[in-house]
Amino acid sequence: PTRGEAVLQIGLPASGPLRAVVYDVRGREVAVVADGEHAAGWHRIPWRTDVAPGVYVVRLEAGGETRTQTMTVVR
């Protein structure tokens, strides 16, 4: 669970485009936290969680792959 700010830690094996989007459980886009070229290596991307408490889905797209992860925001 997170409160206030979450940090997405993302490792990229090669440089290229990275897109990280947060959705609510109804599938509505809440925030785009990363969208652009990133170098290879580890990245820490902050997201200010000024949203209603609940469960959110983070969708990461990079290197031709897509991954999702859930995140719980509490007050």
PDB file of N, CA and C in Angstrom:
ATOM      1  N   PRO A   1       0.827  -1.208   0.000  1.00  0.00           N
ATOM      2  CA  PRO A   1       0.000   0.000   0.000  1.00  0.00           C
ATOM      3  C   PRO A   1       0.859   1.256   0.000  1.00  0.00           C
ATOM      4  N   THR A   2       0.348   2.291  -0.572  1.00  0.00           N
ATOM      5  CA  THR A   2       1.075   3.546  -0.645  1.00  0.00           C
ATOM      6  C   THR A   2       0.174   4.692  -0.221  1.00  0.00           C
ATOM      7  N   ARG A   3       0.793   5.761   0.212  1.00  0.00           N
ATOM      8  CA  ARG A   3       0.063   6.955   0.625  1.00  0.00           C
ATOM      9  C   ARG A   3       0.901   8.166   0.234  1.00  0.00           C
ATOM     10  N   GLY A   4       0.320   9.083  -0.523  1.00  0.00           N
ATOM     11  CA  GLY A   4       1.035  10.308  -0.881  1.00  0.00           C
ATOM     12  C   GLY A   4       1.840  10.211  -2.155  1.00  0.00           C
ATOM     13  N   GLU A   5       2.809   9.300  -2.186  1.00  0.00           N
ATOM     14  CA  GLU A   5       3.630   9.147  -3.384  1.00  0.00           C
ATOM     15  C   GLU A   5       4.091   7.702  -3.508  1.00  0.00           C
ATOM     16  N   ALA A   6       4.050   7.208  -4.720  1.00  0.00           N
ATOM     17  CA  ALA A   6       4.580   5.880  -5.019  1.00  0.00           C
ATOM     18  C   ALA A   6       5.758   6.057  -5.959  1.00  0.00           C
ATOM     19  N   VAL A   7       6.694   5.140  -5.883  1.00  0.00           N
ATOM     20  CA  VAL A   7       7.844   5.173  -6.776  1.00  0.00           C
ATOM     21  C   VAL A   7       7.859   3.877  -7.565  1.00  0.00           C
ATOM     22  N   LEU A   8       7.776   4.006  -8.880  1.00  0.00           N
ATOM     23  CA  LEU A   8       7.856   2.847  -9.760  1.00  0.00           C
ATOM     24  C   LEU A   8       9.334   2.602 -10.059  1.00  0.00           C
ATOM     25  N   GLN A   9       9.801   1.395  -9.797  1.00  0.00           N
ATOM     26  CA  GLN A   9      11.181   1.038 -10.105  1.00  0.00           C
ATOM     27  C   GLN A   9      11.163   0.133 -11.326  1.00  0.00           C
ATOM     28  N   ILE A  10      11.802   0.612 -12.391  1.00  0.00           N
ATOM     29  CA  ILE A  10      11.726  -0.075 -13.670  1.00  0.00           C
ATOM     30  C   ILE A  10      13.140  -0.305 -14.193  1.00  0.00           C
ATOM     31  N   GLY A  11      13.429  -1.542 -14.567  1.00  0.00           N
ATOM     32  CA  GLY A  11      14.720  -1.872 -15.161  1.00  0.00           C
ATOM     33  C   GLY A  11      14.569  -2.124 -16.647  1.00  0.00           C
ATOM     34  N   LEU A  12      15.327  -1.406 -17.445  1.00  0.00           N
ATOM     35  CA  LEU A  12      15.286  -1.569 -18.901  1.00  0.00           C
ATOM     36  C   LEU A  12      16.601  -2.184 -19.379  1.00  0.00           C
ATOM     37  N   PRO A  13      16.538  -3.299 -20.119  1.00  0.00           N
ATOM     38  CA  PRO A  13      17.767  -3.927 -20.606  1.00  0.00           C
ATOM     39  C   PRO A  13      18.423  -3.143 -21.744  1.00  0.00           C
ATOM     40  N   ALA A  14      17.633  -2.335 -22.443  1.00  0.00           N
ATOM     41  CA  ALA A  14      18.166  -1.534 -23.549  1.00  0.00           C
ATOM     42  C   ALA A  14      17.432  -0.201 -23.577  1.00  0.00           C
ATOM     43  N   SER A  15      18.062   0.811 -24.142  1.00  0.00           N
ATOM     44  CA  SER A  15      17.395   2.103 -24.234  1.00  0.00           C
ATOM     45  C   SER A  15      16.244   2.023 -25.233  1.00  0.00           C
ATOM     46  N   GLY A  16      15.260   2.883 -25.046  1.00  0.00           N
ATOM     47  CA  GLY A  16      14.110   2.892 -25.937  1.00  0.00           C
ATOM     48  C   GLY A  16      12.911   3.535 -25.276  1.00  0.00           C
ATOM     49  N   PRO A  17      11.778   3.482 -25.949  1.00  0.00           N
ATOM     50  CA  PRO A  17      10.579   4.110 -25.394  1.00  0.00           C
ATOM     51  C   PRO A  17      10.033   3.334 -24.193  1.00  0.00           C
ATOM     52  N   LEU A  18       9.554   4.089 -23.224  1.00  0.00           N
ATOM     53  CA  LEU A  18       8.920   3.532 -22.035  1.00  0.00           C
ATOM     54  C   LEU A  18       7.625   4.299 -21.809  1.00  0.00           C
ATOM     55  N   ARG A  19       6.553   3.564 -21.569  1.00  0.00           N
ATOM     56  CA  ARG A  19       5.270   4.185 -21.244  1.00  0.00           C
ATOM     57  C   ARG A  19       4.722   3.487 -20.010  1.00  0.00           C
ATOM     58  N   ALA A  20       4.389   4.271 -18.989  1.00  0.00           N
ATOM     59  CA  ALA A  20       3.807   3.757 -17.758  1.00  0.00           C
ATOM     60  C   ALA A  20       2.533   4.541 -17.484  1.00  0.00           C
ATOM     61  N   VAL A  21       1.411   3.823 -17.438  1.00  0.00           N
ATOM     62  CA  VAL A  21       0.099   4.454 -17.271  1.00  0.00           C
ATOM     63  C   VAL A  21      -0.616   3.790 -16.093  1.00  0.00           C
ATOM     64  N   VAL A  22      -1.302   4.611 -15.298  1.00  0.00           N
ATOM     65  CA  VAL A  22      -2.068   4.115 -14.155  1.00  0.00           C
ATOM     66  C   VAL A  22      -3.548   4.164 -14.515  1.00  0.00           C
ATOM     67  N   TYR A  23      -4.257   3.059 -14.232  1.00  0.00           N
ATOM     68  CA  TYR A  23      -5.694   2.955 -14.494  1.00  0.00           C
ATOM     69  C   TYR A  23      -6.421   2.621 -13.197  1.00  0.00           C
ATOM     70  N   ASP A  24      -7.671   3.071 -13.095  1.00  0.00           N
ATOM     71  CA  ASP A  24      -8.481   2.626 -11.965  1.00  0.00           C
ATOM     72  C   ASP A  24      -9.075   1.261 -12.305  1.00  0.00           C
ATOM     73  N   VAL A  25      -9.801   0.651 -11.359  1.00  0.00           N
ATOM     74  CA  VAL A  25     -10.308  -0.699 -11.576  1.00  0.00           C
ATOM     75  C   VAL A  25     -11.393  -0.766 -12.651  1.00  0.00           C
ATOM     76  N   ARG A  26     -11.923   0.372 -13.047  1.00  0.00           N
ATOM     77  CA  ARG A  26     -12.902   0.407 -14.143  1.00  0.00           C
ATOM     78  C   ARG A  26     -12.243   0.586 -15.501  1.00  0.00           C
ATOM     79  N   GLY A  27     -10.915   0.687 -15.519  1.00  0.00           N
ATOM     80  CA  GLY A  27     -10.190   0.806 -16.777  1.00  0.00           C
ATOM     81  C   GLY A  27      -9.997   2.226 -17.261  1.00  0.00           C
ATOM     82  N   ARG A  28     -10.338   3.209 -16.425  1.00  0.00           N
ATOM     83  CA  ARG A  28     -10.155   4.618 -16.811  1.00  0.00           C
ATOM     84  C   ARG A  28      -8.727   5.054 -16.524  1.00  0.00           C
ATOM     85  N   GLU A  29      -8.133   5.764 -17.483  1.00  0.00           N
ATOM     86  CA  GLU A  29      -6.776   6.261 -17.305  1.00  0.00           C
ATOM     87  C   GLU A  29      -6.768   7.333 -16.224  1.00  0.00           C
ATOM     88  N   VAL A  30      -5.885   7.160 -15.254  1.00  0.00           N
ATOM     89  CA  VAL A  30      -5.775   8.089 -14.129  1.00  0.00           C
ATOM     90  C   VAL A  30      -4.564   8.997 -14.289  1.00  0.00           C
ATOM     91  N   ALA A  31      -3.442   8.431 -14.735  1.00  0.00           N
ATOM     92  CA  ALA A  31      -2.212   9.215 -14.869  1.00  0.00           C
ATOM     93  C   ALA A  31      -1.252   8.538 -15.833  1.00  0.00           C
ATOM     94  N   VAL A  32      -0.506   9.351 -16.562  1.00  0.00           N
ATOM     95  CA  VAL A  32       0.618   8.864 -17.370  1.00  0.00           C
ATOM     96  C   VAL A  32       1.860   9.296 -16.605  1.00  0.00           C
ATOM     97  N   VAL A  33       2.587   8.334 -16.056  1.00  0.00           N
ATOM     98  CA  VAL A  33       3.740   8.677 -15.224  1.00  0.00           C
ATOM     99  C   VAL A  33       5.061   8.637 -15.994  1.00  0.00           C
ATOM    100  N   ALA A  34       5.082   8.022 -17.154  1.00  0.00           N
ATOM    101  CA  ALA A  34       6.268   8.025 -18.014  1.00  0.00           C
ATOM    102  C   ALA A  34       5.813   7.809 -19.453  1.00  0.00           C
ATOM    103  N   ASP A  35       6.399   8.578 -20.349  1.00  0.00           N
ATOM    104  CA  ASP A  35       6.080   8.419 -21.769  1.00  0.00           C
ATOM    105  C   ASP A  35       7.181   9.063 -22.594  1.00  0.00           C
ATOM    106  N   GLY A  36       8.155   8.258 -22.986  1.00  0.00           N
ATOM    107  CA  GLY A  36       9.247   8.799 -23.784  1.00  0.00           C
ATOM    108  C   GLY A  36      10.457   7.886 -23.762  1.00  0.00           C
ATOM    109  N   GLU A  37      11.526   8.365 -24.345  1.00  0.00           N
ATOM    110  CA  GLU A  37      12.772   7.599 -24.430  1.00  0.00           C
ATOM    111  C   GLU A  37      13.462   7.553 -23.073  1.00  0.00           C
ATOM    112  N   HIS A  38      13.973   6.377 -22.727  1.00  0.00           N
ATOM    113  CA  HIS A  38      14.727   6.201 -21.492  1.00  0.00           C
ATOM    114  C   HIS A  38      15.969   5.365 -21.801  1.00  0.00           C
ATOM    115  N   ALA A  39      17.027   5.637 -21.092  1.00  0.00           N
ATOM    116  CA  ALA A  39      18.274   4.896 -21.255  1.00  0.00           C
ATOM    117  C   ALA A  39      18.149   3.516 -20.607  1.00  0.00           C
ATOM    118  N   ALA A  40      19.014   2.620 -20.994  1.00  0.00           N
ATOM    119  CA  ALA A  40      19.063   1.309 -20.358  1.00  0.00           C
ATOM    120  C   ALA A  40      19.441   1.475 -18.892  1.00  0.00           C
ATOM    121  N   GLY A  41      18.971   0.555 -18.059  1.00  0.00           N
ATOM    122  CA  GLY A  41      19.304   0.595 -16.631  1.00  0.00           C
ATOM    123  C   GLY A  41      18.060   0.768 -15.783  1.00  0.00           C
ATOM    124  N   TRP A  42      18.285   1.007 -14.499  1.00  0.00           N
ATOM    125  CA  TRP A  42      17.194   1.156 -13.539  1.00  0.00           C
ATOM    126  C   TRP A  42      16.732   2.598 -13.443  1.00  0.00           C
ATOM    127  N   HIS A  43      15.423   2.761 -13.349  1.00  0.00           N
ATOM    128  CA  HIS A  43      14.815   4.082 -13.235  1.00  0.00           C
ATOM    129  C   HIS A  43      13.841   4.089 -12.066  1.00  0.00           C
ATOM    130  N   ARG A  44      13.818   5.187 -11.334  1.00  0.00           N
ATOM    131  CA  ARG A  44      12.858   5.398 -10.250  1.00  0.00           C
ATOM    132  C   ARG A  44      11.947   6.536 -10.694  1.00  0.00           C
ATOM    133  N   ILE A  45      10.688   6.203 -10.922  1.00  0.00           N
ATOM    134  CA  ILE A  45       9.733   7.179 -11.453  1.00  0.00           C
ATOM    135  C   ILE A  45       8.665   7.436 -10.391  1.00  0.00           C
ATOM    136  N   PRO A  46       8.628   8.667  -9.843  1.00  0.00           N
ATOM    137  CA  PRO A  46       7.640   8.974  -8.809  1.00  0.00           C
ATOM    138  C   PRO A  46       6.253   9.226  -9.396  1.00  0.00           C
ATOM    139  N   TRP A  47       5.246   8.853  -8.619  1.00  0.00           N
ATOM    140  CA  TRP A  47       3.855   9.163  -8.973  1.00  0.00           C
ATOM    141  C   TRP A  47       3.175   9.713  -7.732  1.00  0.00           C
ATOM    142  N   ARG A  48       2.715  10.954  -7.813  1.00  0.00           N
ATOM    143  CA  ARG A  48       1.987  11.596  -6.709  1.00  0.00           C
ATOM    144  C   ARG A  48       0.595  10.991  -6.676  1.00  0.00           C
ATOM    145  N   THR A  49       0.284  10.248  -5.635  1.00  0.00           N
ATOM    146  CA  THR A  49      -0.973   9.494  -5.557  1.00  0.00           C
ATOM    147  C   THR A  49      -2.098  10.354  -4.981  1.00  0.00           C
ATOM    148  N   ASP A  50      -2.410  11.448  -5.667  1.00  0.00           N
ATOM    149  CA  ASP A  50      -3.502  12.319  -5.224  1.00  0.00           C
ATOM    150  C   ASP A  50      -4.817  11.847  -5.859  1.00  0.00           C
ATOM    151  N   VAL A  51      -5.129  10.596  -5.610  1.00  0.00           N
ATOM    152  CA  VAL A  51      -6.336   9.952  -6.137  1.00  0.00           C
ATOM    153  C   VAL A  51      -7.112   9.361  -4.958  1.00  0.00           C
ATOM    154  N   ALA A  52      -8.319   8.933  -5.223  1.00  0.00           N
ATOM    155  CA  ALA A  52      -9.135   8.301  -4.180  1.00  0.00           C
ATOM    156  C   ALA A  52      -8.488   6.998  -3.729  1.00  0.00           C
ATOM    157  N   PRO A  53      -8.661   6.640  -2.464  1.00  0.00           N
ATOM    158  CA  PRO A  53      -8.150   5.349  -1.998  1.00  0.00           C
ATOM    159  C   PRO A  53      -8.757   4.215  -2.823  1.00  0.00           C
ATOM    160  N   GLY A  54      -7.978   3.189  -3.071  1.00  0.00           N
ATOM    161  CA  GLY A  54      -8.480   2.042  -3.816  1.00  0.00           C
ATOM    162  C   GLY A  54      -7.362   1.303  -4.514  1.00  0.00           C
ATOM    163  N   VAL A  55      -7.751   0.394  -5.380  1.00  0.00           N
ATOM    164  CA  VAL A  55      -6.803  -0.427  -6.127  1.00  0.00           C
ATOM    165  C   VAL A  55      -6.639   0.160  -7.529  1.00  0.00           C
ATOM    166  N   TYR A  56      -5.397   0.235  -7.978  1.00  0.00           N
ATOM    167  CA  TYR A  56      -5.074   0.769  -9.297  1.00  0.00           C
ATOM    168  C   TYR A  56      -4.190  -0.226 -10.029  1.00  0.00           C
ATOM    169  N   VAL A  57      -4.207  -0.152 -11.345  1.00  0.00           N
ATOM    170  CA  VAL A  57      -3.388  -1.022 -12.183  1.00  0.00           C
ATOM    171  C   VAL A  57      -2.370  -0.150 -12.908  1.00  0.00           C
ATOM    172  N   VAL A  58      -1.102  -0.532 -12.810  1.00  0.00           N
ATOM    173  CA  VAL A  58      -0.028   0.159 -13.517  1.00  0.00           C
ATOM    174  C   VAL A  58       0.347  -0.695 -14.716  1.00  0.00           C
ATOM    175  N   ARG A  59       0.293  -0.107 -15.904  1.00  0.00           N
ATOM    176  CA  ARG A  59       0.639  -0.820 -17.145  1.00  0.00           C
ATOM    177  C   ARG A  59       1.948  -0.229 -17.674  1.00  0.00           C
ATOM    178  N   LEU A  60       2.953  -1.089 -17.831  1.00  0.00           N
ATOM    179  CA  LEU A  60       4.256  -0.681 -18.338  1.00  0.00           C
ATOM    180  C   LEU A  60       4.463  -1.269 -19.721  1.00  0.00           C
ATOM    181  N   GLU A  61       4.876  -0.439 -20.656  1.00  0.00           N
ATOM    182  CA  GLU A  61       5.189  -0.889 -22.018  1.00  0.00           C
ATOM    183  C   GLU A  61       6.609  -0.453 -22.345  1.00  0.00           C
ATOM    184  N   ALA A  62       7.463  -1.420 -22.670  1.00  0.00           N
ATOM    185  CA  ALA A  62       8.847  -1.121 -23.035  1.00  0.00           C
ATOM    186  C   ALA A  62       9.437  -2.321 -23.755  1.00  0.00           C
ATOM    187  N   GLY A  63      10.280  -2.060 -24.720  1.00  0.00           N
ATOM    188  CA  GLY A  63      10.980  -3.139 -25.419  1.00  0.00           C
ATOM    189  C   GLY A  63      10.068  -4.164 -26.060  1.00  0.00           C
ATOM    190  N   GLY A  64       8.888  -3.733 -26.494  1.00  0.00           N
ATOM    191  CA  GLY A  64       7.961  -4.651 -27.139  1.00  0.00           C
ATOM    192  C   GLY A  64       7.197  -5.531 -26.164  1.00  0.00           C
ATOM    193  N   GLU A  65       7.359  -5.295 -24.867  1.00  0.00           N
ATOM    194  CA  GLU A  65       6.661  -6.073 -23.849  1.00  0.00           C
ATOM    195  C   GLU A  65       5.719  -5.185 -23.058  1.00  0.00           C
ATOM    196  N   THR A  66       4.687  -5.809 -22.502  1.00  0.00           N
ATOM    197  CA  THR A  66       3.732  -5.110 -21.639  1.00  0.00           C
ATOM    198  C   THR A  66       3.615  -5.892 -20.339  1.00  0.00           C
ATOM    199  N   ARG A  67       3.702  -5.182 -19.231  1.00  0.00           N
ATOM    200  CA  ARG A  67       3.549  -5.787 -17.904  1.00  0.00           C
ATOM    201  C   ARG A  67       2.536  -4.970 -17.122  1.00  0.00           C
ATOM    202  N   THR A  68       1.808  -5.624 -16.251  1.00  0.00           N
ATOM    203  CA  THR A  68       0.874  -4.923 -15.380  1.00  0.00           C
ATOM    204  C   THR A  68       1.139  -5.315 -13.932  1.00  0.00           C
ATOM    205  N   GLN A  69       0.801  -4.390 -13.043  1.00  0.00           N
ATOM    206  CA  GLN A  69       0.951  -4.629 -11.626  1.00  0.00           C
ATOM    207  C   GLN A  69      -0.120  -3.830 -10.900  1.00  0.00           C
ATOM    208  N   THR A  70      -0.642  -4.375  -9.827  1.00  0.00           N
ATOM    209  CA  THR A  70      -1.633  -3.637  -9.059  1.00  0.00           C
ATOM    210  C   THR A  70      -0.961  -2.857  -7.928  1.00  0.00           C
ATOM    211  N   MET A  71      -1.624  -1.769  -7.525  1.00  0.00           N
ATOM    212  CA  MET A  71      -1.136  -0.916  -6.471  1.00  0.00           C
ATOM    213  C   MET A  71      -2.330  -0.482  -5.636  1.00  0.00           C
ATOM    214  N   THR A  72      -2.182  -0.488  -4.332  1.00  0.00           N
ATOM    215  CA  THR A  72      -3.254  -0.058  -3.448  1.00  0.00           C
ATOM    216  C   THR A  72      -2.896   1.294  -2.846  1.00  0.00           C
ATOM    217  N   VAL A  73      -3.791   2.257  -2.989  1.00  0.00           N
ATOM    218  CA  VAL A  73      -3.606   3.591  -2.419  1.00  0.00           C
ATOM    219  C   VAL A  73      -4.497   3.686  -1.185  1.00  0.00           C
ATOM    220  N   VAL A  74      -3.905   4.093  -0.062  1.00  0.00           N
ATOM    221  CA  VAL A  74      -4.644   4.250   1.189  1.00  0.00           C
ATOM    222  C   VAL A  74      -4.562   5.709   1.641  1.00  0.00           C
ATOM    223  N   ARG A  75      -5.425   6.078   2.541  1.00  0.00           N
ATOM    224  CA  ARG A  75      -5.387   7.435   3.116  1.00  0.00           C
ATOM    225  C   ARG A  75      -4.914   7.380   4.523  1.00  0.00           C
TER     226      ARG A  75
END
